[in-house]
Amino acid sequence: MTLSRRHALAAGLSLPLGLPALQAARAADSKTLKVGFQKGEAILMTAKAGGFLEKAFAPKGYAVEWIEFQFGPPMLEAMRVGSIDFGAVGDTPPIFAQAAHADLLYIAAELGPPQSILLPAGSRIQTLGDLKGKKLAFGRGSSAHNFVLLVLEKAGLRYDEIEPVYLGPADAGAAFERGSIDAWSIWEPYAALFNIRPGVRTLTTNTEIGKQYSFFLGNGPFVRANPALTSAVVDTFTATAEHAQSHHDEVAALLAEATGIPKDVWSRALARDPFQVLRMDDALTRNQQKVADSFRALDLVPVDIKVSDIVWRAGV
């Protein structure tokens, strides 16, 4: 099952007034774990293919339902309305979700996937500074959005010195191929899919710019109603990551089949992936607070965000 951004927004606009009570009731009674995933996210794809959650929770009487999303913001919109219980997204979607008063909780983290600024065939852009005045596409509120802020900081450019074009991956890819944008900020597997095409160049990646993290999040009412189960979910993701770390070839084949991107491309990407689930701590919280502060400083989110307010820690 795939949930589009349009469907997620429609669900949000039609919320009943009693939603919090309904979510709390579902959280207490549900025996189905609903997990959102993106088909380029290695740990959750490995968990899905290997039935790791099913094996861990079937003895406890739980079924698992997997729901696919194209990118992070619509996943968190679905989580906000209780359509999914857990998911993994980049660093920026939780900031926008918290600004919209979504009841979500950070439950764990991992080092984020590679991000790239791609240039179409024929582009004359040579340096980061050449992005000034150019049309730069990315998903609003996605990790690619934060990568743009990091790139602009590195280049000494202000946000208003580029022309942001807010497009999700599919629409941005089409615009990139038409030549109607000058550059594209995007994550894997889309970067790998496009940067092997004739004439396409990579201007920079977050290897040169700076670390970004991804996060596992949970629906607030569900997590608070099921702390032991949530802790067990994080443990399962941790075990999945350890399995993936020692089975790169298997994971590369899995992701190649899911995305249509050649296995050798995934093998090179996975060689740089530490496959490590990180427990939420003060350092990760501070790092994510910097992301929130960057968006607030540009008035890209309308309210001050305190990340520590929505960090969940097992046993705390």
C-alpha atoms as a PDB file:
ATOM      1  CA  MET A   1       0.000   0.000   0.000  1.00  0.00           C
ATOM      2  CA  THR A   2       1.306   3.472  -0.908  1.00  0.00           C
ATOM      3  CA  LEU A   3      -0.047   6.667   0.653  1.00  0.00           C
ATOM      4  CA  SER A   4       0.426   9.812  -1.420  1.00  0.00           C
ATOM      5  CA  ARG A   5       0.936  13.333  -0.090  1.00  0.00           C
ATOM      6  CA  ARG A   6      -2.479  14.327  -1.500  1.00  0.00           C
ATOM      7  CA  HIS A   7      -4.232  11.521   0.351  1.00  0.00           C
ATOM      8  CA  ALA A   8      -2.373  12.288   3.572  1.00  0.00           C
ATOM      9  CA  LEU A   9      -3.309  15.976   3.364  1.00  0.00           C
ATOM     10  CA  ALA A  10      -6.910  15.097   2.678  1.00  0.00           C
ATOM     11  CA  ALA A  11      -6.915  12.878   5.740  1.00  0.00           C
ATOM     12  CA  GLY A  12      -5.535  15.720   7.819  1.00  0.00           C
ATOM     13  CA  LEU A  13      -8.180  18.177   6.600  1.00  0.00           C
ATOM     14  CA  SER A  14     -10.996  15.782   7.442  1.00  0.00           C
ATOM     15  CA  LEU A  15      -9.916  14.977  10.994  1.00  0.00           C
ATOM     16  CA  PRO A  16     -12.747  14.519  13.477  1.00  0.00           C
ATOM     17  CA  LEU A  17     -12.733  16.731  16.554  1.00  0.00           C
ATOM     18  CA  GLY A  18     -12.306  13.679  18.763  1.00  0.00           C
ATOM     19  CA  LEU A  19      -9.107  12.519  17.068  1.00  0.00           C
ATOM     20  CA  PRO A  20      -6.864  12.511  20.194  1.00  0.00           C
ATOM     21  CA  ALA A  21      -9.330  10.296  22.047  1.00  0.00           C
ATOM     22  CA  LEU A  22      -9.702   8.008  19.037  1.00  0.00           C
ATOM     23  CA  GLN A  23      -5.932   7.733  18.671  1.00  0.00           C
ATOM     24  CA  ALA A  24      -5.485   6.951  22.352  1.00  0.00           C
ATOM     25  CA  ALA A  25      -8.137   4.238  22.155  1.00  0.00           C
ATOM     26  CA  ARG A  26      -6.535   2.698  19.070  1.00  0.00           C
ATOM     27  CA  ALA A  27      -3.088   2.901  20.658  1.00  0.00           C
ATOM     28  CA  ALA A  28      -4.268   0.952  23.676  1.00  0.00           C
ATOM     29  CA  ASP A  29      -6.219  -1.700  21.756  1.00  0.00           C
ATOM     30  CA  SER A  30      -4.487  -2.252  18.426  1.00  0.00           C
ATOM     31  CA  LYS A  31      -2.797  -5.561  17.733  1.00  0.00           C
ATOM     32  CA  THR A  32      -1.399  -4.442  14.368  1.00  0.00           C
ATOM     33  CA  LEU A  33       1.851  -2.521  14.073  1.00  0.00           C
ATOM     34  CA  LYS A  34       1.607  -0.120  11.134  1.00  0.00           C
ATOM     35  CA  VAL A  35       5.048   0.803   9.826  1.00  0.00           C
ATOM     36  CA  GLY A  36       5.767   3.434   7.176  1.00  0.00           C
ATOM     37  CA  PHE A  37       8.751   2.884   4.903  1.00  0.00           C
ATOM     38  CA  GLN A  38      10.528   4.289   1.863  1.00  0.00           C
ATOM     39  CA  LYS A  39      11.909   1.751  -0.586  1.00  0.00           C
ATOM     40  CA  GLY A  40      15.403   3.256  -0.474  1.00  0.00           C
ATOM     41  CA  GLU A  41      15.660   3.075   3.343  1.00  0.00           C
ATOM     42  CA  ALA A  42      17.995   0.150   3.949  1.00  0.00           C
ATOM     43  CA  ILE A  43      17.196  -0.784   7.552  1.00  0.00           C
ATOM     44  CA  LEU A  44      13.401  -0.797   7.221  1.00  0.00           C
ATOM     45  CA  MET A  45      13.564  -2.488   3.821  1.00  0.00           C
ATOM     46  CA  THR A  46      15.767  -5.188   5.357  1.00  0.00           C
ATOM     47  CA  ALA A  47      13.354  -5.567   8.262  1.00  0.00           C
ATOM     48  CA  LYS A  48      10.402  -5.860   5.883  1.00  0.00           C
ATOM     49  CA  ALA A  49      12.071  -8.371   3.559  1.00  0.00           C
ATOM     50  CA  GLY A  50      13.367 -10.491   6.420  1.00  0.00           C
ATOM     51  CA  GLY A  51      10.186 -10.383   8.469  1.00  0.00           C
ATOM     52  CA  PHE A  52      12.172  -9.174  11.501  1.00  0.00           C
ATOM     53  CA  LEU A  53       9.251  -7.356  13.129  1.00  0.00           C
ATOM     54  CA  GLU A  54       6.853 -10.180  12.311  1.00  0.00           C
ATOM     55  CA  LYS A  55       9.162 -12.750  13.942  1.00  0.00           C
ATOM     56  CA  ALA A  56       9.625 -10.567  17.008  1.00  0.00           C
ATOM     57  CA  PHE A  57       5.964  -9.685  17.561  1.00  0.00           C
ATOM     58  CA  ALA A  58       3.893 -12.587  16.220  1.00  0.00           C
ATOM     59  CA  PRO A  59       4.475 -14.496  19.511  1.00  0.00           C
ATOM     60  CA  LYS A  60       3.038 -11.463  21.303  1.00  0.00           C
ATOM     61  CA  GLY A  61      -0.088 -11.558  19.139  1.00  0.00           C
ATOM     62  CA  TYR A  62       0.786  -8.644  16.839  1.00  0.00           C
ATOM     63  CA  ALA A  63       0.504  -8.472  13.079  1.00  0.00           C
ATOM     64  CA  VAL A  64       2.599  -6.008  11.022  1.00  0.00           C
ATOM     65  CA  GLU A  65       1.331  -3.846   8.161  1.00  0.00           C
ATOM     66  CA  TRP A  66       3.851  -2.072   5.903  1.00  0.00           C
ATOM     67  CA  ILE A  67       2.812   1.151   4.150  1.00  0.00           C
ATOM     68  CA  GLU A  68       5.028   2.732   1.486  1.00  0.00           C
ATOM     69  CA  PHE A  69       5.690   6.470   1.123  1.00  0.00           C
ATOM     70  CA  GLN A  70       7.671   8.383  -1.480  1.00  0.00           C
ATOM     71  CA  PHE A  71       9.328  10.660   1.086  1.00  0.00           C
ATOM     72  CA  GLY A  72       9.207  11.882   4.675  1.00  0.00           C
ATOM     73  CA  PRO A  73       6.619  14.686   4.985  1.00  0.00           C
ATOM     74  CA  PRO A  74       3.585  12.647   3.840  1.00  0.00           C
ATOM     75  CA  MET A  75       4.733   9.789   6.077  1.00  0.00           C
ATOM     76  CA  LEU A  76       4.641  12.051   9.123  1.00  0.00           C
ATOM     77  CA  GLU A  77       1.282  13.471   8.088  1.00  0.00           C
ATOM     78  CA  ALA A  78      -0.022   9.903   8.130  1.00  0.00           C
ATOM     79  CA  MET A  79       1.638   9.291  11.497  1.00  0.00           C
ATOM     80  CA  ARG A  80       0.065  12.472  12.859  1.00  0.00           C
ATOM     81  CA  VAL A  81      -3.441  11.185  12.136  1.00  0.00           C
ATOM     82  CA  GLY A  82      -2.663   7.721  13.498  1.00  0.00           C
ATOM     83  CA  SER A  83      -2.543   5.902  10.147  1.00  0.00           C
ATOM     84  CA  ILE A  84       0.912   4.526  10.995  1.00  0.00           C
ATOM     85  CA  ASP A  85       2.670   3.874  14.305  1.00  0.00           C
ATOM     86  CA  PHE A  86       6.357   3.981  13.328  1.00  0.00           C
ATOM     87  CA  GLY A  87       8.519   5.161  10.460  1.00  0.00           C
ATOM     88  CA  ALA A  88      11.947   6.490   9.482  1.00  0.00           C
ATOM     89  CA  VAL A  89      12.564   9.897   7.894  1.00  0.00           C
ATOM     90  CA  GLY A  90      15.339  12.431   7.378  1.00  0.00           C
ATOM     91  CA  ASP A  91      16.236  15.255   9.729  1.00  0.00           C
ATOM     92  CA  THR A  92      13.830  17.930   8.477  1.00  0.00           C
ATOM     93  CA  PRO A  93      10.315  16.389   8.298  1.00  0.00           C
ATOM     94  CA  PRO A  94      10.061  16.089  12.116  1.00  0.00           C
ATOM     95  CA  ILE A  95      10.800  19.820  12.469  1.00  0.00           C
ATOM     96  CA  PHE A  96       7.888  20.787  10.232  1.00  0.00           C
ATOM     97  CA  ALA A  97       5.655  18.188  11.877  1.00  0.00           C
ATOM     98  CA  GLN A  98       6.443  19.532  15.352  1.00  0.00           C
ATOM     99  CA  ALA A  99       5.812  23.095  14.140  1.00  0.00           C
ATOM    100  CA  ALA A 100       2.358  21.910  13.026  1.00  0.00           C
ATOM    101  CA  HIS A 101       1.765  20.522  16.557  1.00  0.00           C
ATOM    102  CA  ALA A 102       1.853  16.884  15.447  1.00  0.00           C
ATOM    103  CA  ASP A 103       2.022  14.492  18.400  1.00  0.00           C
ATOM    104  CA  LEU A 104       5.092  12.504  17.349  1.00  0.00           C
ATOM    105  CA  LEU A 105       8.148  11.263  19.235  1.00  0.00           C
ATOM    106  CA  TYR A 106      11.767  10.637  18.227  1.00  0.00           C
ATOM    107  CA  ILE A 107      12.548   7.069  19.311  1.00  0.00           C
ATOM    108  CA  ALA A 108      15.986   6.441  17.699  1.00  0.00           C
ATOM    109  CA  ALA A 109      18.376   7.761  15.056  1.00  0.00           C
ATOM    110  CA  GLU A 110      20.898   6.719  12.413  1.00  0.00           C
ATOM    111  CA  LEU A 111      23.467   8.507  10.303  1.00  0.00           C
ATOM    112  CA  GLY A 112      21.568   9.860   7.332  1.00  0.00           C
ATOM    113  CA  PRO A 113      21.982   8.634   3.737  1.00  0.00           C
ATOM    114  CA  PRO A 114      24.055  10.493   1.149  1.00  0.00           C
ATOM    115  CA  GLN A 115      22.533  13.723  -0.180  1.00  0.00           C
ATOM    116  CA  SER A 116      23.582  15.323  -3.450  1.00  0.00           C
ATOM    117  CA  ILE A 117      23.168  18.487  -5.501  1.00  0.00           C
ATOM    118  CA  LEU A 118      22.738  17.261  -9.079  1.00  0.00           C
ATOM    119  CA  LEU A 119      23.245  19.362 -12.198  1.00  0.00           C
ATOM    120  CA  PRO A 120      21.505  18.584 -15.505  1.00  0.00           C
ATOM    121  CA  ALA A 121      23.354  17.949 -18.749  1.00  0.00           C
ATOM    122  CA  GLY A 122      24.693  21.164 -20.211  1.00  0.00           C
ATOM    123  CA  SER A 123      24.794  23.042 -16.898  1.00  0.00           C
ATOM    124  CA  ARG A 124      27.435  25.747 -16.612  1.00  0.00           C
ATOM    125  CA  ILE A 125      27.421  25.695 -12.807  1.00  0.00           C
ATOM    126  CA  GLN A 126      30.906  24.902 -11.506  1.00  0.00           C
ATOM    127  CA  THR A 127      30.964  26.082  -7.875  1.00  0.00           C
ATOM    128  CA  LEU A 128      28.550  26.377  -4.965  1.00  0.00           C
ATOM    129  CA  GLY A 129      28.562  30.131  -5.452  1.00  0.00           C
ATOM    130  CA  ASP A 130      27.216  29.642  -8.977  1.00  0.00           C
ATOM    131  CA  LEU A 131      23.887  28.567  -7.438  1.00  0.00           C
ATOM    132  CA  LYS A 132      23.136  32.259  -6.849  1.00  0.00           C
ATOM    133  CA  GLY A 133      19.993  33.229  -8.737  1.00  0.00           C
ATOM    134  CA  LYS A 134      19.402  29.652  -9.923  1.00  0.00           C
ATOM    135  CA  LYS A 135      16.304  27.459  -9.679  1.00  0.00           C
ATOM    136  CA  LEU A 136      17.111  24.796  -7.081  1.00  0.00           C
ATOM    137  CA  ALA A 137      14.524  22.052  -6.586  1.00  0.00           C
ATOM    138  CA  PHE A 138      13.901  20.005  -3.438  1.00  0.00           C
ATOM    139  CA  GLY A 139      11.060  18.690  -1.321  1.00  0.00           C
ATOM    140  CA  ARG A 140       9.869  21.351   1.108  1.00  0.00           C
ATOM    141  CA  GLY A 141      10.377  20.081   4.642  1.00  0.00           C
ATOM    142  CA  SER A 142      12.514  17.131   3.511  1.00  0.00           C
ATOM    143  CA  SER A 143      16.113  16.313   4.449  1.00  0.00           C
ATOM    144  CA  ALA A 144      17.070  17.689   1.027  1.00  0.00           C
ATOM    145  CA  HIS A 145      15.721  21.049   2.214  1.00  0.00           C
ATOM    146  CA  ASN A 146      18.109  21.084   5.161  1.00  0.00           C
ATOM    147  CA  PHE A 147      20.942  20.017   2.862  1.00  0.00           C
ATOM    148  CA  VAL A 148      20.231  23.124   0.778  1.00  0.00           C
ATOM    149  CA  LEU A 149      20.603  25.287   3.895  1.00  0.00           C
ATOM    150  CA  LEU A 150      23.930  23.631   4.694  1.00  0.00           C
ATOM    151  CA  VAL A 151      25.146  24.111   1.113  1.00  0.00           C
ATOM    152  CA  LEU A 152      24.140  27.786   1.085  1.00  0.00           C
ATOM    153  CA  GLU A 153      25.930  28.346   4.395  1.00  0.00           C
ATOM    154  CA  LYS A 154      29.058  26.747   2.941  1.00  0.00           C
ATOM    155  CA  ALA A 155      28.763  28.911  -0.166  1.00  0.00           C
ATOM    156  CA  GLY A 156      28.127  32.131   1.766  1.00  0.00           C
ATOM    157  CA  LEU A 157      24.758  32.584   0.074  1.00  0.00           C
ATOM    158  CA  ARG A 158      21.448  33.641   1.607  1.00  0.00           C
ATOM    159  CA  TYR A 159      18.276  31.639   1.085  1.00  0.00           C
ATOM    160  CA  ASP A 160      16.730  34.528  -0.843  1.00  0.00           C
ATOM    161  CA  GLU A 161      19.647  34.453  -3.277  1.00  0.00           C
ATOM    162  CA  ILE A 162      18.382  31.238  -4.871  1.00  0.00           C
ATOM    163  CA  GLU A 163      14.995  30.470  -6.383  1.00  0.00           C
ATOM    164  CA  PRO A 164      13.658  27.501  -4.398  1.00  0.00           C
ATOM    165  CA  VAL A 165      11.375  25.177  -6.351  1.00  0.00           C
ATOM    166  CA  TYR A 166       9.420  22.953  -3.974  1.00  0.00           C
ATOM    167  CA  LEU A 167       8.912  19.573  -5.648  1.00  0.00           C
ATOM    168  CA  GLY A 168       8.752  15.983  -4.430  1.00  0.00           C
ATOM    169  CA  PRO A 169      11.154  13.453  -5.959  1.00  0.00           C
ATOM    170  CA  ALA A 170       8.953  12.336  -8.861  1.00  0.00           C
ATOM    171  CA  ASP A 171       8.029  15.844  -9.995  1.00  0.00           C
ATOM    172  CA  ALA A 172      11.558  17.143  -9.436  1.00  0.00           C
ATOM    173  CA  GLY A 173      12.974  14.288 -11.494  1.00  0.00           C
ATOM    174  CA  ALA A 174      10.654  15.161 -14.375  1.00  0.00           C
ATOM    175  CA  ALA A 175      11.578  18.856 -14.119  1.00  0.00           C
ATOM    176  CA  PHE A 176      15.270  17.902 -14.025  1.00  0.00           C
ATOM    177  CA  GLU A 177      14.928  15.871 -17.222  1.00  0.00           C
ATOM    178  CA  ARG A 178      13.042  18.715 -18.953  1.00  0.00           C
ATOM    179  CA  GLY A 179      15.763  21.178 -17.993  1.00  0.00           C
ATOM    180  CA  SER A 180      13.274  23.451 -16.234  1.00  0.00           C
ATOM    181  CA  ILE A 181      15.383  23.599 -13.059  1.00  0.00           C
ATOM    182  CA  ASP A 182      19.062  24.436 -12.685  1.00  0.00           C
ATOM    183  CA  ALA A 183      19.919  22.060  -9.859  1.00  0.00           C
ATOM    184  CA  TRP A 184      18.311  19.406  -7.685  1.00  0.00           C
ATOM    185  CA  SER A 185      18.917  18.579  -4.016  1.00  0.00           C
ATOM    186  CA  ILE A 186      18.067  14.923  -3.541  1.00  0.00           C
ATOM    187  CA  TRP A 187      18.886  11.807  -1.536  1.00  0.00           C
ATOM    188  CA  GLU A 188      19.483   8.175  -2.457  1.00  0.00           C
ATOM    189  CA  PRO A 189      18.275   6.249  -4.390  1.00  0.00           C
ATOM    190  CA  TYR A 190      17.197   9.083  -6.663  1.00  0.00           C
ATOM    191  CA  ALA A 191      20.683  10.599  -6.841  1.00  0.00           C
ATOM    192  CA  ALA A 192      22.127   7.257  -7.937  1.00  0.00           C
ATOM    193  CA  LEU A 193      19.374   6.853 -10.512  1.00  0.00           C
ATOM    194  CA  PHE A 194      20.086  10.189 -12.206  1.00  0.00           C
ATOM    195  CA  ASN A 195      23.800  10.842 -11.746  1.00  0.00           C
ATOM    196  CA  ILE A 196      24.787   8.001 -14.091  1.00  0.00           C
ATOM    197  CA  ARG A 197      22.852   9.587 -16.973  1.00  0.00           C
ATOM    198  CA  PRO A 198      24.793  11.267 -19.782  1.00  0.00           C
ATOM    199  CA  GLY A 199      25.937  14.766 -18.909  1.00  0.00           C
ATOM    200  CA  VAL A 200      24.528  14.797 -15.370  1.00  0.00           C
ATOM    201  CA  ARG A 201      27.027  15.970 -12.758  1.00  0.00           C
ATOM    202  CA  THR A 202      27.159  16.002  -8.962  1.00  0.00           C
ATOM    203  CA  LEU A 203      28.041  19.459  -7.662  1.00  0.00           C
ATOM    204  CA  THR A 204      28.514  18.362  -4.048  1.00  0.00           C
ATOM    205  CA  THR A 205      27.365  15.791  -1.470  1.00  0.00           C
ATOM    206  CA  ASN A 206      26.917  15.876   2.278  1.00  0.00           C
ATOM    207  CA  THR A 207      30.210  14.009   2.561  1.00  0.00           C
ATOM    208  CA  GLU A 208      31.849  17.366   1.806  1.00  0.00           C
ATOM    209  CA  ILE A 209      29.263  19.580   3.503  1.00  0.00           C
ATOM    210  CA  GLY A 210      28.521  17.899   6.843  1.00  0.00           C
ATOM    211  CA  LYS A 211      26.760  15.047   8.632  1.00  0.00           C
ATOM    212  CA  GLN A 212      23.010  14.658   8.609  1.00  0.00           C
ATOM    213  CA  TYR A 213      20.974  12.191  10.649  1.00  0.00           C
ATOM    214  CA  SER A 214      17.804  10.252   9.974  1.00  0.00           C
ATOM    215  CA  PHE A 215      15.312   9.405  12.690  1.00  0.00           C
ATOM    216  CA  PHE A 216      12.904   6.695  13.674  1.00  0.00           C
ATOM    217  CA  LEU A 217       9.697   8.259  14.953  1.00  0.00           C
ATOM    218  CA  GLY A 218       6.534   6.990  16.550  1.00  0.00           C
ATOM    219  CA  ASN A 219       2.979   8.215  16.885  1.00  0.00           C
ATOM    220  CA  GLY A 220       2.853   9.910  20.297  1.00  0.00           C
ATOM    221  CA  PRO A 221      -0.328   8.300  21.673  1.00  0.00           C
ATOM    222  CA  PHE A 222       0.824   4.869  20.504  1.00  0.00           C
ATOM    223  CA  VAL A 223       4.328   5.172  21.983  1.00  0.00           C
ATOM    224  CA  ARG A 224       3.070   6.465  25.337  1.00  0.00           C
ATOM    225  CA  ALA A 225       0.465   3.701  25.535  1.00  0.00           C
ATOM    226  CA  ASN A 226       3.017   1.030  24.572  1.00  0.00           C
ATOM    227  CA  PRO A 227       6.455   1.893  25.999  1.00  0.00           C
ATOM    228  CA  ALA A 228       7.659  -1.710  26.320  1.00  0.00           C
ATOM    229  CA  LEU A 229       6.531  -2.509  22.783  1.00  0.00           C
ATOM    230  CA  THR A 230       8.251   0.644  21.474  1.00  0.00           C
ATOM    231  CA  SER A 231      11.485  -0.349  23.192  1.00  0.00           C
ATOM    232  CA  ALA A 232      11.209  -3.794  21.587  1.00  0.00           C
ATOM    233  CA  VAL A 233      10.650  -2.179  18.163  1.00  0.00           C
ATOM    234  CA  VAL A 234      13.855  -0.150  18.587  1.00  0.00           C
ATOM    235  CA  ASP A 235      15.688  -3.321  19.649  1.00  0.00           C
ATOM    236  CA  THR A 236      14.424  -5.050  16.501  1.00  0.00           C
ATOM    237  CA  PHE A 237      15.597  -2.170  14.293  1.00  0.00           C
ATOM    238  CA  THR A 238      18.983  -2.389  16.024  1.00  0.00           C
ATOM    239  CA  ALA A 239      19.214  -6.128  15.334  1.00  0.00           C
ATOM    240  CA  THR A 240      18.151  -5.506  11.737  1.00  0.00           C
ATOM    241  CA  ALA A 241      20.942  -2.945  11.301  1.00  0.00           C
ATOM    242  CA  GLU A 242      23.484  -5.437  12.653  1.00  0.00           C
ATOM    243  CA  HIS A 243      22.228  -8.039  10.186  1.00  0.00           C
ATOM    244  CA  ALA A 244      22.437  -5.551   7.294  1.00  0.00           C
ATOM    245  CA  GLN A 245      25.984  -4.584   8.253  1.00  0.00           C
ATOM    246  CA  SER A 246      27.156  -8.160   7.708  1.00  0.00           C
ATOM    247  CA  HIS A 247      24.984  -8.813   4.635  1.00  0.00           C
ATOM    248  CA  HIS A 248      25.764  -5.893   2.297  1.00  0.00           C
ATOM    249  CA  ASP A 249      25.396  -7.991  -0.842  1.00  0.00           C
ATOM    250  CA  GLU A 250      21.981  -9.260   0.221  1.00  0.00           C
ATOM    251  CA  VAL A 251      20.781  -5.739   1.066  1.00  0.00           C
ATOM    252  CA  ALA A 252      22.144  -4.321  -2.199  1.00  0.00           C
ATOM    253  CA  ALA A 253      20.215  -6.951  -4.152  1.00  0.00           C
ATOM    254  CA  LEU A 254      17.064  -6.197  -2.168  1.00  0.00           C
ATOM    255  CA  LEU A 255      17.308  -2.447  -2.784  1.00  0.00           C
ATOM    256  CA  ALA A 256      18.162  -2.941  -6.443  1.00  0.00           C
ATOM    257  CA  GLU A 257      15.014  -4.995  -6.938  1.00  0.00           C
ATOM    258  CA  ALA A 258      12.890  -2.442  -5.063  1.00  0.00           C
ATOM    259  CA  THR A 259      14.215   0.689  -6.750  1.00  0.00           C
ATOM    260  CA  GLY A 260      15.344  -0.449 -10.192  1.00  0.00           C
ATOM    261  CA  ILE A 261      18.792   1.006  -9.531  1.00  0.00           C
ATOM    262  CA  PRO A 262      21.657  -1.363 -10.429  1.00  0.00           C
ATOM    263  CA  LYS A 263      22.998  -3.528  -7.651  1.00  0.00           C
ATOM    264  CA  ASP A 264      26.565  -2.299  -8.141  1.00  0.00           C
ATOM    265  CA  VAL A 265      25.429   1.288  -7.468  1.00  0.00           C
ATOM    266  CA  TRP A 266      23.804   0.191  -4.220  1.00  0.00           C
ATOM    267  CA  SER A 267      26.871  -1.854  -3.276  1.00  0.00           C
ATOM    268  CA  ARG A 268      29.053   1.256  -3.501  1.00  0.00           C
ATOM    269  CA  ALA A 269      26.551   3.302  -1.491  1.00  0.00           C
ATOM    270  CA  LEU A 270      26.155   0.666   1.216  1.00  0.00           C
ATOM    271  CA  ALA A 271      29.915   0.380   1.649  1.00  0.00           C
ATOM    272  CA  ARG A 272      29.731   3.848   3.247  1.00  0.00           C
ATOM    273  CA  ASP A 273      26.689   3.075   5.404  1.00  0.00           C
ATOM    274  CA  PRO A 274      27.513   2.278   9.054  1.00  0.00           C
ATOM    275  CA  PHE A 275      24.140   0.543   9.601  1.00  0.00           C
ATOM    276  CA  GLN A 276      23.947   1.636  13.201  1.00  0.00           C
ATOM    277  CA  VAL A 277      20.816   2.517  15.139  1.00  0.00           C
ATOM    278  CA  LEU A 278      21.577   5.221  17.693  1.00  0.00           C
ATOM    279  CA  ARG A 279      19.676   5.714  20.918  1.00  0.00           C
ATOM    280  CA  MET A 280      18.425   9.255  21.361  1.00  0.00           C
ATOM    281  CA  ASP A 281      20.777  11.233  23.608  1.00  0.00           C
ATOM    282  CA  ASP A 282      21.680  14.832  24.403  1.00  0.00           C
ATOM    283  CA  ALA A 283      24.157  15.143  21.515  1.00  0.00           C
ATOM    284  CA  LEU A 284      21.635  13.986  18.909  1.00  0.00           C
ATOM    285  CA  THR A 285      18.994  16.235  20.437  1.00  0.00           C
ATOM    286  CA  ARG A 286      21.317  19.245  20.265  1.00  0.00           C
ATOM    287  CA  ASN A 287      22.219  18.460  16.665  1.00  0.00           C
ATOM    288  CA  GLN A 288      18.547  18.274  15.704  1.00  0.00           C
ATOM    289  CA  GLN A 289      17.879  21.495  17.610  1.00  0.00           C
ATOM    290  CA  LYS A 290      20.369  23.237  15.302  1.00  0.00           C
ATOM    291  CA  VAL A 291      18.325  22.047  12.319  1.00  0.00           C
ATOM    292  CA  ALA A 292      15.175  23.476  13.899  1.00  0.00           C
ATOM    293  CA  ASP A 293      16.905  26.762  14.697  1.00  0.00           C
ATOM    294  CA  SER A 294      18.135  27.109  11.093  1.00  0.00           C
ATOM    295  CA  PHE A 295      14.612  26.837   9.713  1.00  0.00           C
ATOM    296  CA  ARG A 296      13.201  29.136  12.366  1.00  0.00           C
ATOM    297  CA  ALA A 297      15.853  31.788  11.682  1.00  0.00           C
ATOM    298  CA  LEU A 298      14.695  31.912   8.059  1.00  0.00           C
ATOM    299  CA  ASP A 299      11.039  31.952   9.140  1.00  0.00           C
ATOM    300  CA  LEU A 300      10.538  28.702   7.231  1.00  0.00           C
ATOM    301  CA  VAL A 301       8.766  27.330  10.298  1.00  0.00           C
ATOM    302  CA  PRO A 302       6.394  29.735  12.048  1.00  0.00           C
ATOM    303  CA  VAL A 303       7.108  28.927  15.695  1.00  0.00           C
ATOM    304  CA  ASP A 304      10.039  28.199  17.986  1.00  0.00           C
ATOM    305  CA  ILE A 305      10.757  24.481  18.253  1.00  0.00           C
ATOM    306  CA  LYS A 306      12.124  22.676  21.302  1.00  0.00           C
ATOM    307  CA  VAL A 307      13.250  19.285  20.038  1.00  0.00           C
ATOM    308  CA  SER A 308      13.791  17.872  23.522  1.00  0.00           C
ATOM    309  CA  ASP A 309      10.025  18.125  24.125  1.00  0.00           C
ATOM    310  CA  ILE A 310       9.360  15.224  21.764  1.00  0.00           C
ATOM    311  CA  VAL A 311      12.338  12.948  22.434  1.00  0.00           C
ATOM    312  CA  TRP A 312      11.341   9.548  23.873  1.00  0.00           C
ATOM    313  CA  ARG A 313      13.858   7.449  25.742  1.00  0.00           C
ATOM    314  CA  ALA A 314      13.238   3.904  26.875  1.00  0.00           C
ATOM    315  CA  GLY A 315      12.780   3.674  30.629  1.00  0.00           C
ATOM    316  CA  VAL A 316      12.590   7.447  31.107  1.00  0.00           C
END
